PDB file of all heavy atoms in Angstrom:
ATOM      1  N   GLU A   1       0.753  -1.266  -0.063  1.00  0.00           N
ATOM      2  CA  GLU A   1      -0.032   0.037  -0.008  1.00  0.00           C
ATOM      3  C   GLU A   1       0.812   1.376  -0.019  1.00  0.00           C
ATOM      4  O   GLU A   1       0.390   2.284  -0.634  1.00  0.00           O
ATOM      5  CB  GLU A   1      -0.883  -0.011   1.232  1.00  0.00           C
ATOM      6  CG  GLU A   1      -2.030  -1.032   1.304  1.00  0.00           C
ATOM      7  CD  GLU A   1      -2.487  -1.354   2.688  1.00  0.00           C
ATOM      8  OE1 GLU A   1      -2.149  -0.555   3.556  1.00  0.00           O
ATOM      9  OE2 GLU A   1      -3.162  -2.342   2.932  1.00  0.00           O
ATOM     10  N   ARG A   2       1.995   1.180   0.564  1.00  0.00           N
ATOM     11  CA  ARG A   2       2.759   2.478   0.823  1.00  0.00           C
ATOM     12  C   ARG A   2       3.459   2.822  -0.522  1.00  0.00           C
ATOM     13  O   ARG A   2       4.332   2.072  -0.904  1.00  0.00           O
ATOM     14  CB  ARG A   2       3.800   2.201   1.946  1.00  0.00           C
ATOM     15  CG  ARG A   2       4.811   3.392   2.137  1.00  0.00           C
ATOM     16  CD  ARG A   2       4.063   4.378   2.928  1.00  0.00           C
ATOM     17  NE  ARG A   2       5.059   5.433   3.438  1.00  0.00           N
ATOM     18  CZ  ARG A   2       4.846   6.658   3.558  1.00  0.00           C
ATOM     19  NH1 ARG A   2       3.745   7.264   3.228  1.00  0.00           N
ATOM     20  NH2 ARG A   2       5.783   7.449   4.118  1.00  0.00           N
ATOM     21  N   VAL A   3       3.167   4.037  -0.885  1.00  0.00           N
ATOM     22  CA  VAL A   3       3.666   4.423  -2.307  1.00  0.00           C
ATOM     23  C   VAL A   3       4.657   5.619  -1.963  1.00  0.00           C
ATOM     24  O   VAL A   3       4.459   6.539  -1.354  1.00  0.00           O
ATOM     25  CB  VAL A   3       2.630   4.940  -3.234  1.00  0.00           C
ATOM     26  CG1 VAL A   3       3.162   5.609  -4.508  1.00  0.00           C
ATOM     27  CG2 VAL A   3       1.723   3.731  -3.640  1.00  0.00           C
ATOM     28  N   LEU A   4       5.967   5.351  -2.495  1.00  0.00           N
ATOM     29  CA  LEU A   4       6.993   6.329  -2.359  1.00  0.00           C
ATOM     30  C   LEU A   4       7.686   6.422  -3.781  1.00  0.00           C
ATOM     31  O   LEU A   4       7.888   5.256  -4.410  1.00  0.00           O
ATOM     32  CB  LEU A   4       7.930   6.067  -1.313  1.00  0.00           C
ATOM     33  CG  LEU A   4       7.536   6.371   0.121  1.00  0.00           C
ATOM     34  CD1 LEU A   4       8.701   5.830   1.105  1.00  0.00           C
ATOM     35  CD2 LEU A   4       7.352   7.806   0.425  1.00  0.00           C
ATOM     36  N   PHE A   5       8.074   7.630  -4.182  1.00  0.00           N
ATOM     37  CA  PHE A   5       8.698   7.647  -5.576  1.00  0.00           C
ATOM     38  C   PHE A   5       7.937   7.063  -6.554  1.00  0.00           C
ATOM     39  O   PHE A   5       8.260   6.325  -7.484  1.00  0.00           O
ATOM     40  CB  PHE A   5      10.046   7.060  -5.485  1.00  0.00           C
ATOM     41  CG  PHE A   5      10.980   7.625  -4.456  1.00  0.00           C
ATOM     42  CD1 PHE A   5      11.278   6.938  -3.236  1.00  0.00           C
ATOM     43  CD2 PHE A   5      11.442   9.080  -4.529  1.00  0.00           C
ATOM     44  CE1 PHE A   5      12.115   7.493  -2.312  1.00  0.00           C
ATOM     45  CE2 PHE A   5      12.159   9.572  -3.433  1.00  0.00           C
ATOM     46  CZ  PHE A   5      12.562   8.760  -2.399  1.00  0.00           C
ATOM     47  N   GLU A   6       6.550   7.234  -6.452  1.00  0.00           N
ATOM     48  CA  GLU A   6       5.526   6.828  -7.410  1.00  0.00           C
ATOM     49  C   GLU A   6       5.577   5.373  -7.549  1.00  0.00           C
ATOM     50  O   GLU A   6       5.062   4.875  -8.677  1.00  0.00           O
ATOM     51  CB  GLU A   6       5.696   7.473  -8.662  1.00  0.00           C
ATOM     52  CG  GLU A   6       5.634   8.985  -8.681  1.00  0.00           C
ATOM     53  CD  GLU A   6       6.073   9.776  -9.951  1.00  0.00           C
ATOM     54  OE1 GLU A   6       6.309   9.167 -10.932  1.00  0.00           O
ATOM     55  OE2 GLU A   6       6.109  10.998  -9.900  1.00  0.00           O
ATOM     56  N   ARG A   7       5.843   4.562  -6.607  1.00  0.00           N
ATOM     57  CA  ARG A   7       5.866   3.142  -6.767  1.00  0.00           C
ATOM     58  C   ARG A   7       5.567   2.452  -5.398  1.00  0.00           C
ATOM     59  O   ARG A   7       6.055   3.052  -4.367  1.00  0.00           O
ATOM     60  CB  ARG A   7       6.996   2.525  -7.362  1.00  0.00           C
ATOM     61  CG  ARG A   7       8.242   2.858  -6.698  1.00  0.00           C
ATOM     62  CD  ARG A   7       9.519   2.641  -7.426  1.00  0.00           C
ATOM     63  NE  ARG A   7       9.856   1.193  -7.165  1.00  0.00           N
ATOM     64  CZ  ARG A   7      10.627   0.446  -8.073  1.00  0.00           C
ATOM     65  NH1 ARG A   7      10.769   1.026  -9.271  1.00  0.00           N
ATOM     66  NH2 ARG A   7      11.015  -0.614  -7.847  1.00  0.00           N
ATOM     67  N   PRO A   8       4.825   1.362  -5.161  1.00  0.00           N
ATOM     68  CA  PRO A   8       4.757   0.692  -3.821  1.00  0.00           C
ATOM     69  C   PRO A   8       6.119   0.296  -3.398  1.00  0.00           C
ATOM     70  O   PRO A   8       6.944  -0.240  -4.164  1.00  0.00           O
ATOM     71  CB  PRO A   8       3.765  -0.339  -4.087  1.00  0.00           C
ATOM     72  CG  PRO A   8       3.862  -0.704  -5.565  1.00  0.00           C
ATOM     73  CD  PRO A   8       4.183   0.535  -6.161  1.00  0.00           C
ATOM     74  N   ILE A   9       6.351   0.599  -2.156  1.00  0.00           N
ATOM     75  CA  ILE A   9       7.846   0.180  -1.624  1.00  0.00           C
ATOM     76  C   ILE A   9       8.022  -1.321  -1.727  1.00  0.00           C
ATOM     77  O   ILE A   9       9.120  -1.735  -1.624  1.00  0.00           O
ATOM     78  CB  ILE A   9       7.986   0.732  -0.145  1.00  0.00           C
ATOM     79  CG1 ILE A   9       7.030   0.014   0.883  1.00  0.00           C
ATOM     80  CG2 ILE A   9       7.876   2.204  -0.060  1.00  0.00           C
ATOM     81  CD1 ILE A   9       7.286   0.304   2.374  1.00  0.00           C
ATOM     82  N   GLY A  10       6.865  -2.081  -1.743  1.00  0.00           N
ATOM     83  CA  GLY A  10       7.092  -3.574  -1.947  1.00  0.00           C
ATOM     84  C   GLY A  10       7.642  -3.950  -3.292  1.00  0.00           C
ATOM     85  O   GLY A  10       7.982  -5.248  -3.405  1.00  0.00           O
ATOM     86  N   LYS A  11       7.787  -3.071  -4.237  1.00  0.00           N
ATOM     87  CA  LYS A  11       8.366  -3.437  -5.460  1.00  0.00           C
ATOM     88  C   LYS A  11      10.092  -3.561  -5.259  1.00  0.00           C
ATOM     89  O   LYS A  11      10.743  -4.092  -6.117  1.00  0.00           O
ATOM     90  CB  LYS A  11       8.156  -2.348  -6.538  1.00  0.00           C
ATOM     91  CG  LYS A  11       7.170  -2.702  -7.500  1.00  0.00           C
ATOM     92  CD  LYS A  11       7.064  -1.690  -8.602  1.00  0.00           C
ATOM     93  CE  LYS A  11       6.182  -2.209  -9.632  1.00  0.00           C
ATOM     94  NZ  LYS A  11       6.141  -1.334 -10.893  1.00  0.00           N
ATOM     95  N   ASN A  12      10.446  -2.839  -4.116  1.00  0.00           N
ATOM     96  CA  ASN A  12      11.957  -2.788  -3.979  1.00  0.00           C
ATOM     97  C   ASN A  12      12.462  -3.999  -3.279  1.00  0.00           C
ATOM     98  O   ASN A  12      11.823  -4.402  -2.198  1.00  0.00           O
ATOM     99  CB  ASN A  12      12.236  -1.522  -3.113  1.00  0.00           C
ATOM    100  CG  ASN A  12      11.779  -0.357  -3.807  1.00  0.00           C
ATOM    101  OD1 ASN A  12      11.882  -0.078  -4.911  1.00  0.00           O
ATOM    102  ND2 ASN A  12      11.210   0.516  -2.936  1.00  0.00           N
ATOM    103  N   GLN A  13      13.471  -4.703  -3.883  1.00  0.00           N
ATOM    104  CA  GLN A  13      14.060  -5.879  -3.295  1.00  0.00           C
ATOM    105  C   GLN A  13      14.507  -5.637  -1.860  1.00  0.00           C
ATOM    106  O   GLN A  13      14.531  -6.437  -0.953  1.00  0.00           O
ATOM    107  CB  GLN A  13      15.075  -6.373  -4.111  1.00  0.00           C
ATOM    108  CG  GLN A  13      14.544  -7.014  -5.483  1.00  0.00           C
ATOM    109  CD  GLN A  13      15.502  -7.660  -6.338  1.00  0.00           C
ATOM    110  OE1 GLN A  13      16.738  -7.297  -6.204  1.00  0.00           O
ATOM    111  NE2 GLN A  13      15.096  -8.531  -7.221  1.00  0.00           N
ATOM    112  N   GLY A  14      15.045  -4.469  -1.503  1.00  0.00           N
ATOM    113  CA  GLY A  14      15.469  -3.976  -0.293  1.00  0.00           C
ATOM    114  C   GLY A  14      14.331  -4.134   0.775  1.00  0.00           C
ATOM    115  O   GLY A  14      14.647  -4.301   1.912  1.00  0.00           O
ATOM    116  N   VAL A  15      13.103  -4.074   0.347  1.00  0.00           N
ATOM    117  CA  VAL A  15      12.011  -4.186   1.249  1.00  0.00           C
ATOM    118  C   VAL A  15      11.477  -5.719   1.119  1.00  0.00           C
ATOM    119  O   VAL A  15      11.149  -6.275   2.106  1.00  0.00           O
ATOM    120  CB  VAL A  15      10.811  -3.194   0.725  1.00  0.00           C
ATOM    121  CG1 VAL A  15       9.520  -3.608   1.570  1.00  0.00           C
ATOM    122  CG2 VAL A  15      11.406  -1.785   1.115  1.00  0.00           C
ATOM    123  N   GLN A  16      11.451  -6.210  -0.033  1.00  0.00           N
ATOM    124  CA  GLN A  16      10.916  -7.668  -0.287  1.00  0.00           C
ATOM    125  C   GLN A  16      11.821  -8.725   0.564  1.00  0.00           C
ATOM    126  O   GLN A  16      11.248  -9.527   1.063  1.00  0.00           O
ATOM    127  CB  GLN A  16      11.003  -7.957  -1.733  1.00  0.00           C
ATOM    128  CG  GLN A  16       9.979  -7.380  -2.681  1.00  0.00           C
ATOM    129  CD  GLN A  16      10.196  -7.881  -4.086  1.00  0.00           C
ATOM    130  OE1 GLN A  16      11.079  -8.566  -4.391  1.00  0.00           O
ATOM    131  NE2 GLN A  16       9.309  -7.290  -4.939  1.00  0.00           N
ATOM    132  N   PHE A  17      13.108  -8.489   0.291  1.00  0.00           N
ATOM    133  CA  PHE A  17      14.011  -9.686   0.748  1.00  0.00           C
ATOM    134  C   PHE A  17      13.872  -9.801   2.314  1.00  0.00           C
ATOM    135  O   PHE A  17      13.827 -11.051   2.716  1.00  0.00           O
ATOM    136  CB  PHE A  17      15.410  -9.430   0.350  1.00  0.00           C
ATOM    137  CG  PHE A  17      15.601  -9.640  -1.117  1.00  0.00           C
ATOM    138  CD1 PHE A  17      14.536 -10.030  -2.024  1.00  0.00           C
ATOM    139  CD2 PHE A  17      16.919  -9.520  -1.664  1.00  0.00           C
ATOM    140  CE1 PHE A  17      14.852 -10.166  -3.397  1.00  0.00           C
ATOM    141  CE2 PHE A  17      17.087  -9.706  -2.937  1.00  0.00           C
ATOM    142  CZ  PHE A  17      16.135 -10.120  -3.858  1.00  0.00           C
ATOM    143  N   PRO A  18      13.973  -8.862   3.206  1.00  0.00           N
ATOM    144  CA  PRO A  18      13.793  -9.075   4.604  1.00  0.00           C
ATOM    145  C   PRO A  18      12.421  -9.886   4.931  1.00  0.00           C
ATOM    146  O   PRO A  18      12.350 -10.677   5.793  1.00  0.00           O
ATOM    147  CB  PRO A  18      13.851  -7.743   5.265  1.00  0.00           C
ATOM    148  CG  PRO A  18      14.563  -6.888   4.200  1.00  0.00           C
ATOM    149  CD  PRO A  18      14.191  -7.490   2.874  1.00  0.00           C
ATOM    150  N   ILE A  19      11.350  -9.345   4.200  1.00  0.00           N
ATOM    151  CA  ILE A  19      10.039  -9.961   4.533  1.00  0.00           C
ATOM    152  C   ILE A  19      10.038 -11.477   4.107  1.00  0.00           C
ATOM    153  O   ILE A  19       9.563 -12.251   4.912  1.00  0.00           O
ATOM    154  CB  ILE A  19       8.888  -9.371   3.739  1.00  0.00           C
ATOM    155  CG1 ILE A  19       8.869  -7.749   4.116  1.00  0.00           C
ATOM    156  CG2 ILE A  19       7.484  -9.891   4.049  1.00  0.00           C
ATOM    157  CD1 ILE A  19       7.830  -6.929   3.287  1.00  0.00           C
ATOM    158  N   ALA A  20      10.627 -11.766   2.914  1.00  0.00           N
ATOM    159  CA  ALA A  20      10.691 -13.215   2.445  1.00  0.00           C
ATOM    160  C   ALA A  20      11.602 -14.062   3.344  1.00  0.00           C
ATOM    161  O   ALA A  20      11.334 -15.128   3.708  1.00  0.00           O
ATOM    162  CB  ALA A  20      11.224 -13.081   0.985  1.00  0.00           C
ATOM    163  N   ARG A  21      12.758 -13.463   3.896  1.00  0.00           N
ATOM    164  CA  ARG A  21      13.572 -14.194   4.667  1.00  0.00           C
ATOM    165  C   ARG A  21      12.826 -14.467   6.090  1.00  0.00           C
ATOM    166  O   ARG A  21      12.925 -15.546   6.588  1.00  0.00           O
ATOM    167  CB  ARG A  21      14.932 -13.370   4.903  1.00  0.00           C
ATOM    168  CG  ARG A  21      15.828 -14.161   5.813  1.00  0.00           C
ATOM    169  CD  ARG A  21      17.094 -13.311   6.058  1.00  0.00           C
ATOM    170  NE  ARG A  21      17.918 -13.331   4.751  1.00  0.00           N
ATOM    171  CZ  ARG A  21      18.716 -14.261   4.288  1.00  0.00           C
ATOM    172  NH1 ARG A  21      18.789 -15.375   4.865  1.00  0.00           N
ATOM    173  NH2 ARG A  21      19.325 -14.222   3.200  1.00  0.00           N
ATOM    174  N   ALA A  22      11.995 -13.498   6.491  1.00  0.00           N
ATOM    175  CA  ALA A  22      11.342 -13.755   7.774  1.00  0.00           C
ATOM    176  C   ALA A  22      10.218 -14.780   7.616  1.00  0.00           C
ATOM    177  O   ALA A  22      10.080 -15.636   8.518  1.00  0.00           O
ATOM    178  CB  ALA A  22      10.661 -12.426   8.144  1.00  0.00           C
ATOM    179  N   TYR A  23       9.744 -14.739   6.478  1.00  0.00           N
ATOM    180  CA  TYR A  23       8.647 -15.783   6.137  1.00  0.00           C
ATOM    181  C   TYR A  23       9.387 -17.230   6.253  1.00  0.00           C
ATOM    182  O   TYR A  23       8.854 -18.202   6.664  1.00  0.00           O
ATOM    183  CB  TYR A  23       7.968 -15.576   4.811  1.00  0.00           C
ATOM    184  CG  TYR A  23       7.060 -16.718   4.425  1.00  0.00           C
ATOM    185  CD1 TYR A  23       5.806 -16.823   5.080  1.00  0.00           C
ATOM    186  CD2 TYR A  23       7.395 -17.686   3.465  1.00  0.00           C
ATOM    187  CE1 TYR A  23       4.958 -17.768   4.789  1.00  0.00           C
ATOM    188  CE2 TYR A  23       6.426 -18.715   3.190  1.00  0.00           C
ATOM    189  CZ  TYR A  23       5.258 -18.794   3.815  1.00  0.00           C
ATOM    190  OH  TYR A  23       4.277 -19.738   3.495  1.00  0.00           O
ATOM    191  N   ALA A  24      10.446 -17.332   5.437  1.00  0.00           N
ATOM    192  CA  ALA A  24      11.241 -18.658   5.383  1.00  0.00           C
ATOM    193  C   ALA A  24      11.655 -19.037   6.835  1.00  0.00           C
ATOM    194  O   ALA A  24      11.535 -20.227   7.218  1.00  0.00           O
ATOM    195  CB  ALA A  24      12.446 -18.498   4.517  1.00  0.00           C
ATOM    196  N   GLN A  25      12.136 -18.167   7.693  1.00  0.00           N
ATOM    197  CA  GLN A  25      12.498 -18.554   8.871  1.00  0.00           C
ATOM    198  C   GLN A  25      11.348 -18.974   9.808  1.00  0.00           C
ATOM    199  O   GLN A  25      11.523 -19.828  10.590  1.00  0.00           O
ATOM    200  CB  GLN A  25      13.232 -17.312   9.553  1.00  0.00           C
ATOM    201  CG  GLN A  25      14.015 -17.503  10.871  1.00  0.00           C
ATOM    202  CD  GLN A  25      14.788 -16.284  11.395  1.00  0.00           C
ATOM    203  OE1 GLN A  25      14.938 -15.298  10.572  1.00  0.00           O
ATOM    204  NE2 GLN A  25      15.251 -16.258  12.597  1.00  0.00           N
ATOM    205  N   MET A  26      10.209 -18.279   9.712  1.00  0.00           N
ATOM    206  CA  MET A  26       9.024 -18.631  10.421  1.00  0.00           C
ATOM    207  C   MET A  26       8.534 -19.917  10.060  1.00  0.00           C
ATOM    208  O   MET A  26       8.212 -20.803  10.922  1.00  0.00           O
ATOM    209  CB  MET A  26       7.964 -17.611  10.036  1.00  0.00           C
ATOM    210  CG  MET A  26       6.601 -17.977  10.782  1.00  0.00           C
ATOM    211  SD  MET A  26       5.520 -19.142   9.754  1.00  0.00           S
ATOM    212  CE  MET A  26       5.081 -18.119   8.341  1.00  0.00           C
ATOM    213  N   ARG A  27       8.587 -20.247   8.816  1.00  0.00           N
ATOM    214  CA  ARG A  27       8.145 -21.660   8.327  1.00  0.00           C
ATOM    215  C   ARG A  27       9.047 -22.783   8.898  1.00  0.00           C
ATOM    216  O   ARG A  27       8.556 -23.755   9.273  1.00  0.00           O
ATOM    217  CB  ARG A  27       8.140 -21.764   6.780  1.00  0.00           C
ATOM    218  CG  ARG A  27       6.919 -20.983   6.139  1.00  0.00           C
ATOM    219  CD  ARG A  27       5.690 -21.720   6.323  1.00  0.00           C
ATOM    220  NE  ARG A  27       5.519 -22.816   5.506  1.00  0.00           N
ATOM    221  CZ  ARG A  27       5.293 -24.137   6.002  1.00  0.00           C
ATOM    222  NH1 ARG A  27       4.968 -24.182   7.335  1.00  0.00           N
ATOM    223  NH2 ARG A  27       5.220 -25.178   5.266  1.00  0.00           N
ATOM    224  N   ALA A  28      10.351 -22.567   8.878  1.00  0.00           N
ATOM    225  CA  ALA A  28      11.257 -23.502   9.334  1.00  0.00           C
ATOM    226  C   ALA A  28      10.979 -23.737  10.891  1.00  0.00           C
ATOM    227  O   ALA A  28      10.957 -24.911  11.335  1.00  0.00           O
ATOM    228  CB  ALA A  28      12.692 -23.118   9.200  1.00  0.00           C
ATOM    229  N   ALA A  29      10.814 -22.733  11.628  1.00  0.00           N
ATOM    230  CA  ALA A  29      10.546 -22.728  13.110  1.00  0.00           C
ATOM    231  C   ALA A  29       9.178 -23.428  13.305  1.00  0.00           C
ATOM    232  O   ALA A  29       9.031 -24.264  14.148  1.00  0.00           O
ATOM    233  CB  ALA A  29      10.475 -21.394  13.699  1.00  0.00           C
ATOM    234  N   GLU A  30       8.242 -23.089  12.424  1.00  0.00           N
ATOM    235  CA  GLU A  30       6.857 -23.756  12.548  1.00  0.00           C
ATOM    236  C   GLU A  30       6.974 -25.253  12.500  1.00  0.00           C
ATOM    237  O   GLU A  30       6.293 -26.103  13.196  1.00  0.00           O
ATOM    238  CB  GLU A  30       5.901 -23.199  11.463  1.00  0.00           C
ATOM    239  CG  GLU A  30       4.507 -23.717  11.539  1.00  0.00           C
ATOM    240  CD  GLU A  30       3.665 -23.065  10.462  1.00  0.00           C
ATOM    241  OE1 GLU A  30       4.146 -22.947   9.321  1.00  0.00           O
ATOM    242  OE2 GLU A  30       2.467 -22.796  10.767  1.00  0.00           O
ATOM    243  N   LEU A  31       7.790 -25.801  11.536  1.00  0.00           N
ATOM    244  CA  LEU A  31       7.959 -27.330  11.339  1.00  0.00           C
ATOM    245  C   LEU A  31       8.556 -27.857  12.589  1.00  0.00           C
ATOM    246  O   LEU A  31       8.168 -28.938  12.981  1.00  0.00           O
ATOM    247  CB  LEU A  31       8.913 -27.410  10.140  1.00  0.00           C
ATOM    248  CG  LEU A  31       8.284 -27.182   8.731  1.00  0.00           C
ATOM    249  CD1 LEU A  31       9.341 -27.260   7.719  1.00  0.00           C
ATOM    250  CD2 LEU A  31       7.111 -28.109   8.474  1.00  0.00           C
ATOM    251  N   MET A  32       9.520 -27.055  13.288  1.00  0.00           N
ATOM    252  CA  MET A  32      10.030 -27.636  14.468  1.00  0.00           C
ATOM    253  C   MET A  32       8.984 -27.727  15.615  1.00  0.00           C
ATOM    254  O   MET A  32       8.968 -28.619  16.436  1.00  0.00           O
ATOM    255  CB  MET A  32      11.255 -26.813  14.917  1.00  0.00           C
ATOM    256  CG  MET A  32      11.922 -27.411  16.204  1.00  0.00           C
ATOM    257  SD  MET A  32      12.349 -29.184  16.148  1.00  0.00           S
ATOM    258  CE  MET A  32      13.978 -29.018  15.302  1.00  0.00           C
ATOM    259  N   VAL A  33       8.121 -26.703  15.619  1.00  0.00           N
ATOM    260  CA  VAL A  33       7.036 -26.754  16.637  1.00  0.00           C
ATOM    261  C   VAL A  33       6.122 -27.906  16.349  1.00  0.00           C
ATOM    262  O   VAL A  33       5.660 -28.670  17.246  1.00  0.00           O
ATOM    263  CB  VAL A  33       6.156 -25.387  16.565  1.00  0.00           C
ATOM    264  CG1 VAL A  33       4.921 -25.431  17.581  1.00  0.00           C
ATOM    265  CG2 VAL A  33       7.069 -24.177  16.997  1.00  0.00           C
ATOM    266  N   HIS A  34       5.829 -28.139  15.047  1.00  0.00           N
ATOM    267  CA  HIS A  34       5.043 -29.302  14.743  1.00  0.00           C
ATOM    268  C   HIS A  34       5.692 -30.569  15.156  1.00  0.00           C
ATOM    269  O   HIS A  34       4.969 -31.567  15.545  1.00  0.00           O
ATOM    270  CB  HIS A  34       4.611 -29.348  13.248  1.00  0.00           C
ATOM    271  CG  HIS A  34       3.663 -28.280  12.824  1.00  0.00           C
ATOM    272  ND1 HIS A  34       3.368 -28.073  11.546  1.00  0.00           N
ATOM    273  CD2 HIS A  34       2.884 -27.384  13.537  1.00  0.00           C
ATOM    274  CE1 HIS A  34       2.507 -27.085  11.411  1.00  0.00           C
ATOM    275  NE2 HIS A  34       2.165 -26.638  12.696  1.00  0.00           N
ATOM    276  N   GLU A  35       6.901 -30.723  14.931  1.00  0.00           N
ATOM    277  CA  GLU A  35       7.695 -31.905  15.326  1.00  0.00           C
ATOM    278  C   GLU A  35       7.662 -32.184  16.752  1.00  0.00           C
ATOM    279  O   GLU A  35       7.448 -33.281  17.263  1.00  0.00           O
ATOM    280  CB  GLU A  35       9.193 -31.795  14.704  1.00  0.00           C
ATOM    281  CG  GLU A  35      10.077 -32.902  15.226  1.00  0.00           C
ATOM    282  CD  GLU A  35       9.766 -34.251  14.604  1.00  0.00           C
ATOM    283  OE1 GLU A  35       8.692 -34.469  13.882  1.00  0.00           O
ATOM    284  OE2 GLU A  35      10.476 -35.317  14.947  1.00  0.00           O
ATOM    285  N   ALA A  36       7.814 -31.154  17.562  1.00  0.00           N
ATOM    286  CA  ALA A  36       7.891 -31.241  18.943  1.00  0.00           C
ATOM    287  C   ALA A  36       6.490 -31.707  19.389  1.00  0.00           C
ATOM    288  O   ALA A  36       6.334 -32.525  20.396  1.00  0.00           O
ATOM    289  CB  ALA A  36       8.226 -29.867  19.616  1.00  0.00           C
ATOM    290  N   THR A  37       5.324 -31.102  18.876  1.00  0.00           N
ATOM    291  CA  THR A  37       4.001 -31.517  19.340  1.00  0.00           C
ATOM    292  C   THR A  37       3.772 -32.940  18.824  1.00  0.00           C
ATOM    293  O   THR A  37       3.209 -33.783  19.618  1.00  0.00           O
ATOM    294  CB  THR A  37       2.917 -30.574  18.707  1.00  0.00           C
ATOM    295  OG1 THR A  37       3.112 -30.467  17.338  1.00  0.00           O
ATOM    296  CG2 THR A  37       2.956 -29.226  19.317  1.00  0.00           C
ATOM    297  N   ARG A  38       4.336 -33.331  17.700  1.00  0.00           N
ATOM    298  CA  ARG A  38       4.075 -34.839  17.319  1.00  0.00           C
ATOM    299  C   ARG A  38       4.705 -35.654  18.254  1.00  0.00           C
ATOM    300  O   ARG A  38       4.144 -36.668  18.683  1.00  0.00           O
ATOM    301  CB  ARG A  38       4.610 -34.935  15.772  1.00  0.00           C
ATOM    302  CG  ARG A  38       4.419 -36.240  15.137  1.00  0.00           C
ATOM    303  CD  ARG A  38       5.209 -36.422  13.955  1.00  0.00           C
ATOM    304  NE  ARG A  38       6.564 -36.529  14.153  1.00  0.00           N
ATOM    305  CZ  ARG A  38       7.230 -37.521  14.598  1.00  0.00           C
ATOM    306  NH1 ARG A  38       6.628 -38.692  14.933  1.00  0.00           N
ATOM    307  NH2 ARG A  38       8.646 -37.630  14.817  1.00  0.00           N
ATOM    308  N   ARG A  39       5.913 -35.508  18.635  1.00  0.00           N
ATOM    309  CA  ARG A  39       6.628 -36.345  19.548  1.00  0.00           C
ATOM    310  C   ARG A  39       5.970 -36.343  20.970  1.00  0.00           C
ATOM    311  O   ARG A  39       5.908 -37.493  21.626  1.00  0.00           O
ATOM    312  CB  ARG A  39       8.152 -35.955  19.669  1.00  0.00           C
ATOM    313  CG  ARG A  39       8.932 -36.126  18.306  1.00  0.00           C
ATOM    314  CD  ARG A  39      10.415 -35.766  18.561  1.00  0.00           C
ATOM    315  NE  ARG A  39      11.116 -36.657  19.506  1.00  0.00           N
ATOM    316  CZ  ARG A  39      11.793 -37.732  19.200  1.00  0.00           C
ATOM    317  NH1 ARG A  39      11.963 -37.938  17.845  1.00  0.00           N
ATOM    318  NH2 ARG A  39      12.427 -38.427  20.038  1.00  0.00           N
ATOM    319  N   TYR A  40       5.617 -35.095  21.247  1.00  0.00           N
ATOM    320  CA  TYR A  40       4.920 -34.991  22.642  1.00  0.00           C
ATOM    321  C   TYR A  40       3.625 -35.971  22.637  1.00  0.00           C
ATOM    322  O   TYR A  40       3.411 -36.644  23.536  1.00  0.00           O
ATOM    323  CB  TYR A  40       4.496 -33.549  22.878  1.00  0.00           C
ATOM    324  CG  TYR A  40       3.878 -33.240  24.211  1.00  0.00           C
ATOM    325  CD1 TYR A  40       4.553 -32.733  25.197  1.00  0.00           C
ATOM    326  CD2 TYR A  40       2.504 -33.397  24.341  1.00  0.00           C
ATOM    327  CE1 TYR A  40       3.957 -32.390  26.426  1.00  0.00           C
ATOM    328  CE2 TYR A  40       1.746 -33.194  25.596  1.00  0.00           C
ATOM    329  CZ  TYR A  40       2.618 -32.647  26.654  1.00  0.00           C
ATOM    330  OH  TYR A  40       1.988 -32.363  27.804  1.00  0.00           O
ATOM    331  N   GLU A  41       2.845 -35.796  21.557  1.00  0.00           N
ATOM    332  CA  GLU A  41       1.582 -36.694  21.547  1.00  0.00           C
ATOM    333  C   GLU A  41       1.841 -38.057  21.364  1.00  0.00           C
ATOM    334  O   GLU A  41       1.000 -38.895  21.705  1.00  0.00           O
ATOM    335  CB  GLU A  41       0.644 -36.096  20.461  1.00  0.00           C
ATOM    336  CG  GLU A  41       0.093 -34.657  20.732  1.00  0.00           C
ATOM    337  CD  GLU A  41      -0.576 -33.905  19.599  1.00  0.00           C
ATOM    338  OE1 GLU A  41      -0.768 -34.527  18.504  1.00  0.00           O
ATOM    339  OE2 GLU A  41      -0.967 -32.774  19.821  1.00  0.00           O
ATOM    340  N   ALA A  42       2.995 -38.545  20.721  1.00  0.00           N
ATOM    341  CA  ALA A  42       3.379 -39.839  20.586  1.00  0.00           C
ATOM    342  C   ALA A  42       3.938 -40.514  21.825  1.00  0.00           C
ATOM    343  O   ALA A  42       4.185 -41.634  22.026  1.00  0.00           O
ATOM    344  CB  ALA A  42       4.283 -40.095  19.366  1.00  0.00           C
ATOM    345  N   GLY A  43       4.194 -39.599  22.837  1.00  0.00           N
ATOM    346  CA  GLY A  43       4.722 -40.084  24.139  1.00  0.00           C
ATOM    347  C   GLY A  43       6.231 -40.285  24.067  1.00  0.00           C
ATOM    348  O   GLY A  43       6.861 -40.839  24.884  1.00  0.00           O
TER     349      GLY A  43
END
């Protein structure tokens, strides 16, 4: 939504890349949470 220099800032890789990296990091951590719950429930 945020427009600067007549373009959304999300077009800039300097803005995109940190968001994409945070997403990848979250997904990896989410898998470990799922693995911990799976082992917990399996006893």
